[in-house]
Amino acid sequence: MKFFYVYILESLKDGNHYTGYTENLRSRFEQHEKGEVDSTKNRRPLKLIYFEGCLNQKDALRREKYLKTHYGNMFLKKRLKSYSTGQV
């Protein structure tokens, strides 16, 4: 079965987050780490802090868009609460 992943990266340089989606999470993260992705190349090093698997591309794109909204940010803040307080 093929999955599509929505993921959140945290910049260890500035603390900001990047949200994206991909079919191959490992390969995409390596691209980010190598500076091959324009939107994150100047924000390295990066850390993968969250991901979700979706059964199709349409759902992954919808979820990515949601996570970039105000309500999506609120969801992530609650979901990652123990991470941001160092209690992971």
PDB file of N, CA and C in Angstrom:
ATOM      1  N   MET A   1       0.843  -1.186   0.000  1.00  0.00           N
ATOM      2  CA  MET A   1       0.000   0.000   0.000  1.00  0.00           C
ATOM      3  C   MET A   1       0.884   1.242   0.000  1.00  0.00           C
ATOM      4  N   LYS A   2       0.500   2.198  -0.797  1.00  0.00           N
ATOM      5  CA  LYS A   2       1.243   3.446  -0.938  1.00  0.00           C
ATOM      6  C   LYS A   2       0.673   4.497   0.017  1.00  0.00           C
ATOM      7  N   PHE A   3       1.555   5.207   0.705  1.00  0.00           N
ATOM      8  CA  PHE A   3       1.143   6.274   1.617  1.00  0.00           C
ATOM      9  C   PHE A   3       1.711   7.610   1.158  1.00  0.00           C
ATOM     10  N   PHE A   4       1.045   8.656   1.556  1.00  0.00           N
ATOM     11  CA  PHE A   4       1.541  10.019   1.382  1.00  0.00           C
ATOM     12  C   PHE A   4       1.675  10.605   2.774  1.00  0.00           C
ATOM     13  N   TYR A   5       2.750  11.320   3.003  1.00  0.00           N
ATOM     14  CA  TYR A   5       3.059  11.816   4.344  1.00  0.00           C
ATOM     15  C   TYR A   5       3.005  13.338   4.392  1.00  0.00           C
ATOM     16  N   VAL A   6       2.377  13.834   5.437  1.00  0.00           N
ATOM     17  CA  VAL A   6       2.403  15.253   5.776  1.00  0.00           C
ATOM     18  C   VAL A   6       3.384  15.357   6.934  1.00  0.00           C
ATOM     19  N   TYR A   7       4.293  16.321   6.873  1.00  0.00           N
ATOM     20  CA  TYR A   7       5.332  16.388   7.890  1.00  0.00           C
ATOM     21  C   TYR A   7       5.615  17.816   8.325  1.00  0.00           C
ATOM     22  N   ILE A   8       6.167  17.934   9.519  1.00  0.00           N
ATOM     23  CA  ILE A   8       6.558  19.218  10.077  1.00  0.00           C
ATOM     24  C   ILE A   8       8.045  19.144  10.424  1.00  0.00           C
ATOM     25  N   LEU A   9       8.788  20.108   9.930  1.00  0.00           N
ATOM     26  CA  LEU A   9      10.202  20.234  10.271  1.00  0.00           C
ATOM     27  C   LEU A   9      10.369  21.455  11.156  1.00  0.00           C
ATOM     28  N   GLU A  10      11.300  21.376  12.073  1.00  0.00           N
ATOM     29  CA  GLU A  10      11.639  22.523  12.901  1.00  0.00           C
ATOM     30  C   GLU A  10      13.061  22.943  12.570  1.00  0.00           C
ATOM     31  N   SER A  11      13.235  24.221  12.329  1.00  0.00           N
ATOM     32  CA  SER A  11      14.571  24.755  12.090  1.00  0.00           C
ATOM     33  C   SER A  11      15.281  24.909  13.426  1.00  0.00           C
ATOM     34  N   LEU A  12      16.431  24.285  13.557  1.00  0.00           N
ATOM     35  CA  LEU A  12      17.214  24.436  14.782  1.00  0.00           C
ATOM     36  C   LEU A  12      17.968  25.761  14.769  1.00  0.00           C
ATOM     37  N   LYS A  13      17.954  26.425  13.633  1.00  0.00           N
ATOM     38  CA  LYS A  13      18.600  27.732  13.485  1.00  0.00           C
ATOM     39  C   LYS A  13      17.707  28.861  14.004  1.00  0.00           C
ATOM     40  N   ASP A  14      16.425  28.841  13.595  1.00  0.00           N
ATOM     41  CA  ASP A  14      15.534  29.947  13.985  1.00  0.00           C
ATOM     42  C   ASP A  14      14.274  29.500  14.735  1.00  0.00           C
ATOM     43  N   GLY A  15      14.076  28.190  14.909  1.00  0.00           N
ATOM     44  CA  GLY A  15      12.930  27.693  15.661  1.00  0.00           C
ATOM     45  C   GLY A  15      11.617  27.661  14.897  1.00  0.00           C
ATOM     46  N   ASN A  16      11.618  28.131  13.654  1.00  0.00           N
ATOM     47  CA  ASN A  16      10.393  28.140  12.859  1.00  0.00           C
ATOM     48  C   ASN A  16      10.099  26.753  12.299  1.00  0.00           C
ATOM     49  N   HIS A  17       8.834  26.570  11.890  1.00  0.00           N
ATOM     50  CA  HIS A  17       8.397  25.285  11.366  1.00  0.00           C
ATOM     51  C   HIS A  17       8.143  25.357   9.874  1.00  0.00           C
ATOM     52  N   TYR A  18       8.324  24.230   9.211  1.00  0.00           N
ATOM     53  CA  TYR A  18       8.023  24.072   7.790  1.00  0.00           C
ATOM     54  C   TYR A  18       7.089  22.878   7.655  1.00  0.00           C
ATOM     55  N   THR A  19       6.005  23.037   6.903  1.00  0.00           N
ATOM     56  CA  THR A  19       5.038  21.972   6.682  1.00  0.00           C
ATOM     57  C   THR A  19       5.067  21.571   5.222  1.00  0.00           C
ATOM     58  N   GLY A  20       5.102  20.271   4.958  1.00  0.00           N
ATOM     59  CA  GLY A  20       5.100  19.787   3.585  1.00  0.00           C
ATOM     60  C   GLY A  20       4.460  18.427   3.491  1.00  0.00           C
ATOM     61  N   TYR A  21       4.430  17.887   2.272  1.00  0.00           N
ATOM     62  CA  TYR A  21       3.934  16.523   2.082  1.00  0.00           C
ATOM     63  C   TYR A  21       4.797  15.838   1.038  1.00  0.00           C
ATOM     64  N   THR A  22       4.817  14.508   1.086  1.00  0.00           N
ATOM     65  CA  THR A  22       5.656  13.732   0.174  1.00  0.00           C
ATOM     66  C   THR A  22       5.187  12.288   0.119  1.00  0.00           C
ATOM     67  N   GLU A  23       5.652  11.568  -0.888  1.00  0.00           N
ATOM     68  CA  GLU A  23       5.410  10.125  -0.968  1.00  0.00           C
ATOM     69  C   GLU A  23       6.505   9.355  -0.242  1.00  0.00           C
ATOM     70  N   ASN A  24       7.689   9.936  -0.166  1.00  0.00           N
ATOM     71  CA  ASN A  24       8.830   9.253   0.444  1.00  0.00           C
ATOM     72  C   ASN A  24       9.435  10.160   1.512  1.00  0.00           C
ATOM     73  N   LEU A  25       9.041   9.954   2.745  1.00  0.00           N
ATOM     74  CA  LEU A  25       9.440  10.840   3.838  1.00  0.00           C
ATOM     75  C   LEU A  25      10.953  10.839   4.049  1.00  0.00           C
ATOM     76  N   ARG A  26      11.553   9.687   4.032  1.00  0.00           N
ATOM     77  CA  ARG A  26      12.999   9.587   4.267  1.00  0.00           C
ATOM     78  C   ARG A  26      13.787  10.354   3.197  1.00  0.00           C
ATOM     79  N   SER A  27      13.443  10.129   1.951  1.00  0.00           N
ATOM     80  CA  SER A  27      14.133  10.798   0.847  1.00  0.00           C
ATOM     81  C   SER A  27      13.919  12.313   0.893  1.00  0.00           C
ATOM     82  N   ARG A  28      12.697  12.721   1.176  1.00  0.00           N
ATOM     83  CA  ARG A  28      12.390  14.160   1.223  1.00  0.00           C
ATOM     84  C   ARG A  28      13.150  14.838   2.365  1.00  0.00           C
ATOM     85  N   PHE A  29      13.226  14.189   3.517  1.00  0.00           N
ATOM     86  CA  PHE A  29      13.963  14.768   4.631  1.00  0.00           C
ATOM     87  C   PHE A  29      15.447  14.899   4.273  1.00  0.00           C
ATOM     88  N   GLU A  30      15.997  13.921   3.590  1.00  0.00           N
ATOM     89  CA  GLU A  30      17.391  13.995   3.155  1.00  0.00           C
ATOM     90  C   GLU A  30      17.605  15.166   2.205  1.00  0.00           C
ATOM     91  N   GLN A  31      16.630  15.426   1.319  1.00  0.00           N
ATOM     92  CA  GLN A  31      16.719  16.584   0.425  1.00  0.00           C
ATOM     93  C   GLN A  31      16.759  17.877   1.227  1.00  0.00           C
ATOM     94  N   HIS A  32      15.915  17.968   2.243  1.00  0.00           N
ATOM     95  CA  HIS A  32      15.911  19.149   3.107  1.00  0.00           C
ATOM     96  C   HIS A  32      17.263  19.297   3.799  1.00  0.00           C
ATOM     97  N   GLU A  33      17.788  18.209   4.346  1.00  0.00           N
ATOM     98  CA  GLU A  33      19.061  18.259   5.071  1.00  0.00           C
ATOM     99  C   GLU A  33      20.226  18.662   4.182  1.00  0.00           C
ATOM    100  N   LYS A  34      20.198  18.277   2.913  1.00  0.00           N
ATOM    101  CA  LYS A  34      21.286  18.577   1.976  1.00  0.00           C
ATOM    102  C   LYS A  34      21.174  19.984   1.390  1.00  0.00           C
ATOM    103  N   GLY A  35      20.090  20.698   1.706  1.00  0.00           N
ATOM    104  CA  GLY A  35      19.901  22.047   1.174  1.00  0.00           C
ATOM    105  C   GLY A  35      19.345  22.069  -0.232  1.00  0.00           C
ATOM    106  N   GLU A  36      18.706  20.995  -0.658  1.00  0.00           N
ATOM    107  CA  GLU A  36      18.159  20.895  -2.009  1.00  0.00           C
ATOM    108  C   GLU A  36      16.746  21.453  -2.126  1.00  0.00           C
ATOM    109  N   VAL A  37      16.172  21.910  -1.032  1.00  0.00           N
ATOM    110  CA  VAL A  37      14.821  22.475  -1.040  1.00  0.00           C
ATOM    111  C   VAL A  37      14.949  23.973  -0.750  1.00  0.00           C
ATOM    112  N   ASP A  38      14.571  24.801  -1.726  1.00  0.00           N
ATOM    113  CA  ASP A  38      14.756  26.250  -1.615  1.00  0.00           C
ATOM    114  C   ASP A  38      14.181  26.845  -0.341  1.00  0.00           C
ATOM    115  N   SER A  39      12.985  26.412   0.056  1.00  0.00           N
ATOM    116  CA  SER A  39      12.322  27.048   1.193  1.00  0.00           C
ATOM    117  C   SER A  39      12.961  26.724   2.539  1.00  0.00           C
ATOM    118  N   THR A  40      13.821  25.729   2.610  1.00  0.00           N
ATOM    119  CA  THR A  40      14.448  25.382   3.891  1.00  0.00           C
ATOM    120  C   THR A  40      15.972  25.403   3.858  1.00  0.00           C
ATOM    121  N   LYS A  41      16.576  25.632   2.710  1.00  0.00           N
ATOM    122  CA  LYS A  41      18.037  25.501   2.632  1.00  0.00           C
ATOM    123  C   LYS A  41      18.784  26.479   3.531  1.00  0.00           C
ATOM    124  N   ASN A  42      18.213  27.652   3.795  1.00  0.00           N
ATOM    125  CA  ASN A  42      18.877  28.626   4.671  1.00  0.00           C
ATOM    126  C   ASN A  42      18.415  28.523   6.119  1.00  0.00           C
ATOM    127  N   ARG A  43      17.619  27.507   6.418  1.00  0.00           N
ATOM    128  CA  ARG A  43      17.088  27.339   7.779  1.00  0.00           C
ATOM    129  C   ARG A  43      17.650  26.082   8.444  1.00  0.00           C
ATOM    130  N   ARG A  44      18.627  25.463   7.805  1.00  0.00           N
ATOM    131  CA  ARG A  44      19.238  24.246   8.351  1.00  0.00           C
ATOM    132  C   ARG A  44      20.135  24.570   9.528  1.00  0.00           C
ATOM    133  N   PRO A  45      20.309  23.620  10.447  1.00  0.00           N
ATOM    134  CA  PRO A  45      19.832  22.237  10.443  1.00  0.00           C
ATOM    135  C   PRO A  45      18.354  22.146  10.796  1.00  0.00           C
ATOM    136  N   LEU A  46      17.755  21.036  10.365  1.00  0.00           N
ATOM    137  CA  LEU A  46      16.332  20.799  10.556  1.00  0.00           C
ATOM    138  C   LEU A  46      16.108  19.507  11.328  1.00  0.00           C
ATOM    139  N   LYS A  47      14.965  19.461  11.993  1.00  0.00           N
ATOM    140  CA  LYS A  47      14.600  18.276  12.759  1.00  0.00           C
ATOM    141  C   LYS A  47      13.160  17.910  12.406  1.00  0.00           C
ATOM    142  N   LEU A  48      12.923  16.647  12.104  1.00  0.00           N
ATOM    143  CA  LEU A  48      11.564  16.174  11.848  1.00  0.00           C
ATOM    144  C   LEU A  48      10.868  16.028  13.192  1.00  0.00           C
ATOM    145  N   ILE A  49       9.789  16.794  13.393  1.00  0.00           N
ATOM    146  CA  ILE A  49       9.129  16.755  14.698  1.00  0.00           C
ATOM    147  C   ILE A  49       7.732  16.144  14.651  1.00  0.00           C
ATOM    148  N   TYR A  50       7.178  15.946  13.434  1.00  0.00           N
ATOM    149  CA  TYR A  50       5.818  15.405  13.351  1.00  0.00           C
ATOM    150  C   TYR A  50       5.566  14.902  11.936  1.00  0.00           C
ATOM    151  N   PHE A  51       4.819  13.809  11.822  1.00  0.00           N
ATOM    152  CA  PHE A  51       4.343  13.375  10.512  1.00  0.00           C
ATOM    153  C   PHE A  51       3.074  12.555  10.661  1.00  0.00           C
ATOM    154  N   GLU A  52       2.301  12.534   9.587  1.00  0.00           N
ATOM    155  CA  GLU A  52       1.066  11.762   9.501  1.00  0.00           C
ATOM    156  C   GLU A  52       1.070  11.035   8.167  1.00  0.00           C
ATOM    157  N   GLY A  53       0.516   9.836   8.130  1.00  0.00           N
ATOM    158  CA  GLY A  53       0.361   9.101   6.885  1.00  0.00           C
ATOM    159  C   GLY A  53      -1.057   9.229   6.367  1.00  0.00           C
ATOM    160  N   CYS A  54      -1.187   9.421   5.058  1.00  0.00           N
ATOM    161  CA  CYS A  54      -2.493   9.503   4.407  1.00  0.00           C
ATOM    162  C   CYS A  54      -2.550   8.451   3.304  1.00  0.00           C
ATOM    163  N   LEU A  55      -3.750   7.985   3.000  1.00  0.00           N
ATOM    164  CA  LEU A  55      -3.916   6.925   2.008  1.00  0.00           C
ATOM    165  C   LEU A  55      -3.886   7.419   0.568  1.00  0.00           C
ATOM    166  N   ASN A  56      -4.081   8.726   0.366  1.00  0.00           N
ATOM    167  CA  ASN A  56      -3.992   9.241  -1.003  1.00  0.00           C
ATOM    168  C   ASN A  56      -3.481  10.677  -1.002  1.00  0.00           C
ATOM    169  N   GLN A  57      -3.054  11.103  -2.164  1.00  0.00           N
ATOM    170  CA  GLN A  57      -2.434  12.413  -2.313  1.00  0.00           C
ATOM    171  C   GLN A  57      -3.407  13.548  -1.999  1.00  0.00           C
ATOM    172  N   LYS A  58      -4.645  13.395  -2.409  1.00  0.00           N
ATOM    173  CA  LYS A  58      -5.646  14.438  -2.172  1.00  0.00           C
ATOM    174  C   LYS A  58      -5.819  14.705  -0.675  1.00  0.00           C
ATOM    175  N   ASP A  59      -5.912  13.636   0.116  1.00  0.00           N
ATOM    176  CA  ASP A  59      -6.044  13.798   1.566  1.00  0.00           C
ATOM    177  C   ASP A  59      -4.801  14.437   2.170  1.00  0.00           C
ATOM    178  N   ALA A  60      -3.623  14.046   1.692  1.00  0.00           N
ATOM    179  CA  ALA A  60      -2.374  14.617   2.207  1.00  0.00           C
ATOM    180  C   ALA A  60      -2.301  16.111   1.914  1.00  0.00           C
ATOM    181  N   LEU A  61      -2.666  16.507   0.699  1.00  0.00           N
ATOM    182  CA  LEU A  61      -2.661  17.936   0.346  1.00  0.00           C
ATOM    183  C   LEU A  61      -3.666  18.713   1.180  1.00  0.00           C
ATOM    184  N   ARG A  62      -4.838  18.136   1.398  1.00  0.00           N
ATOM    185  CA  ARG A  62      -5.866  18.786   2.219  1.00  0.00           C
ATOM    186  C   ARG A  62      -5.365  18.956   3.659  1.00  0.00           C
ATOM    187  N   ARG A  63      -4.718  17.918   4.172  1.00  0.00           N
ATOM    188  CA  ARG A  63      -4.202  17.971   5.550  1.00  0.00           C
ATOM    189  C   ARG A  63      -3.072  18.983   5.665  1.00  0.00           C
ATOM    190  N   GLU A  64      -2.190  19.026   4.673  1.00  0.00           N
ATOM    191  CA  GLU A  64      -1.101  20.008   4.673  1.00  0.00           C
ATOM    192  C   GLU A  64      -1.661  21.430   4.716  1.00  0.00           C
ATOM    193  N   LYS A  65      -2.650  21.700   3.875  1.00  0.00           N
ATOM    194  CA  LYS A  65      -3.266  23.030   3.849  1.00  0.00           C
ATOM    195  C   LYS A  65      -3.907  23.365   5.193  1.00  0.00           C
ATOM    196  N   TYR A  66      -4.595  22.383   5.794  1.00  0.00           N
ATOM    197  CA  TYR A  66      -5.222  22.609   7.095  1.00  0.00           C
ATOM    198  C   TYR A  66      -4.171  22.940   8.156  1.00  0.00           C
ATOM    199  N   LEU A  67      -3.088  22.184   8.190  1.00  0.00           N
ATOM    200  CA  LEU A  67      -2.064  22.404   9.217  1.00  0.00           C
ATOM    201  C   LEU A  67      -1.398  23.773   9.091  1.00  0.00           C
ATOM    202  N   LYS A  68      -1.518  24.395   7.930  1.00  0.00           N
ATOM    203  CA  LYS A  68      -0.950  25.731   7.722  1.00  0.00           C
ATOM    204  C   LYS A  68      -1.915  26.845   8.121  1.00  0.00           C
ATOM    205  N   THR A  69      -3.152  26.482   8.502  1.00  0.00           N
ATOM    206  CA  THR A  69      -4.137  27.484   8.922  1.00  0.00           C
ATOM    207  C   THR A  69      -4.005  27.769  10.414  1.00  0.00           C
ATOM    208  N   HIS A  70      -4.741  28.761  10.869  1.00  0.00           N
ATOM    209  CA  HIS A  70      -4.755  29.100  12.293  1.00  0.00           C
ATOM    210  C   HIS A  70      -5.201  27.892  13.132  1.00  0.00           C
ATOM    211  N   TYR A  71      -6.272  27.224  12.706  1.00  0.00           N
ATOM    212  CA  TYR A  71      -6.777  26.078  13.466  1.00  0.00           C
ATOM    213  C   TYR A  71      -5.808  24.899  13.408  1.00  0.00           C
ATOM    214  N   GLY A  72      -5.148  24.737  12.279  1.00  0.00           N
ATOM    215  CA  GLY A  72      -4.130  23.703  12.166  1.00  0.00           C
ATOM    216  C   GLY A  72      -2.961  23.968  13.100  1.00  0.00           C
ATOM    217  N   ASN A  73      -2.560  25.228  13.208  1.00  0.00           N
ATOM    218  CA  ASN A  73      -1.492  25.601  14.140  1.00  0.00           C
ATOM    219  C   ASN A  73      -1.906  25.336  15.579  1.00  0.00           C
ATOM    220  N   MET A  74      -3.169  25.594  15.898  1.00  0.00           N
ATOM    221  CA  MET A  74      -3.661  25.313  17.251  1.00  0.00           C
ATOM    222  C   MET A  74      -3.622  23.811  17.530  1.00  0.00           C
ATOM    223  N   PHE A  75      -4.034  23.007  16.538  1.00  0.00           N
ATOM    224  CA  PHE A  75      -3.980  21.548  16.683  1.00  0.00           C
ATOM    225  C   PHE A  75      -2.546  21.096  16.946  1.00  0.00           C
ATOM    226  N   LEU A  76      -1.614  21.595  16.150  1.00  0.00           N
ATOM    227  CA  LEU A  76      -0.216  21.189  16.305  1.00  0.00           C
ATOM    228  C   LEU A  76       0.354  21.622  17.649  1.00  0.00           C
ATOM    229  N   LYS A  77      -0.030  22.795  18.077  1.00  0.00           N
ATOM    230  CA  LYS A  77       0.454  23.285  19.370  1.00  0.00           C
ATOM    231  C   LYS A  77       0.021  22.336  20.491  1.00  0.00           C
ATOM    232  N   LYS A  78      -1.245  21.907  20.445  1.00  0.00           N
ATOM    233  CA  LYS A  78      -1.730  20.953  21.443  1.00  0.00           C
ATOM    234  C   LYS A  78      -1.055  19.599  21.277  1.00  0.00           C
ATOM    235  N   ARG A  79      -0.933  19.150  20.034  1.00  0.00           N
ATOM    236  CA  ARG A  79      -0.364  17.828  19.740  1.00  0.00           C
ATOM    237  C   ARG A  79       1.101  17.746  20.149  1.00  0.00           C
ATOM    238  N   LEU A  80       1.817  18.840  19.992  1.00  0.00           N
ATOM    239  CA  LEU A  80       3.256  18.862  20.265  1.00  0.00           C
ATOM    240  C   LEU A  80       3.583  19.519  21.598  1.00  0.00           C
ATOM    241  N   LYS A  81       2.592  19.670  22.448  1.00  0.00           N
ATOM    242  CA  LYS A  81       2.786  20.369  23.728  1.00  0.00           C
ATOM    243  C   LYS A  81       3.923  19.761  24.538  1.00  0.00           C
ATOM    244  N   SER A  82       3.944  18.453  24.692  1.00  0.00           N
ATOM    245  CA  SER A  82       5.010  17.844  25.486  1.00  0.00           C
ATOM    246  C   SER A  82       6.372  17.962  24.797  1.00  0.00           C
ATOM    247  N   TYR A  83       6.367  18.012  23.456  1.00  0.00           N
ATOM    248  CA  TYR A  83       7.620  18.203  22.719  1.00  0.00           C
ATOM    249  C   TYR A  83       8.201  19.575  23.007  1.00  0.00           C
ATOM    250  N   SER A  84       7.366  20.612  22.910  1.00  0.00           N
ATOM    251  CA  SER A  84       7.861  21.974  23.077  1.00  0.00           C
ATOM    252  C   SER A  84       8.255  22.312  24.515  1.00  0.00           C
ATOM    253  N   THR A  85       7.771  21.521  25.462  1.00  0.00           N
ATOM    254  CA  THR A  85       8.172  21.755  26.849  1.00  0.00           C
ATOM    255  C   THR A  85       9.309  20.834  27.270  1.00  0.00           C
ATOM    256  N   GLY A  86       9.816  20.060  26.296  1.00  0.00           N
ATOM    257  CA  GLY A  86      10.948  19.186  26.590  1.00  0.00           C
ATOM    258  C   GLY A  86      10.585  17.924  27.350  1.00  0.00           C
ATOM    259  N   GLN A  87       9.308  17.526  27.310  1.00  0.00           N
ATOM    260  CA  GLN A  87       8.867  16.352  28.049  1.00  0.00           C
ATOM    261  C   GLN A  87       8.686  15.122  27.169  1.00  0.00           C
ATOM    262  N   VAL A  88       9.209  15.126  25.977  1.00  0.00           N
ATOM    263  CA  VAL A  88       9.033  13.994  25.059  1.00  0.00           C
ATOM    264  C   VAL A  88       9.735  12.776  25.573  1.00  0.00           C
TER     265      VAL A  88
END
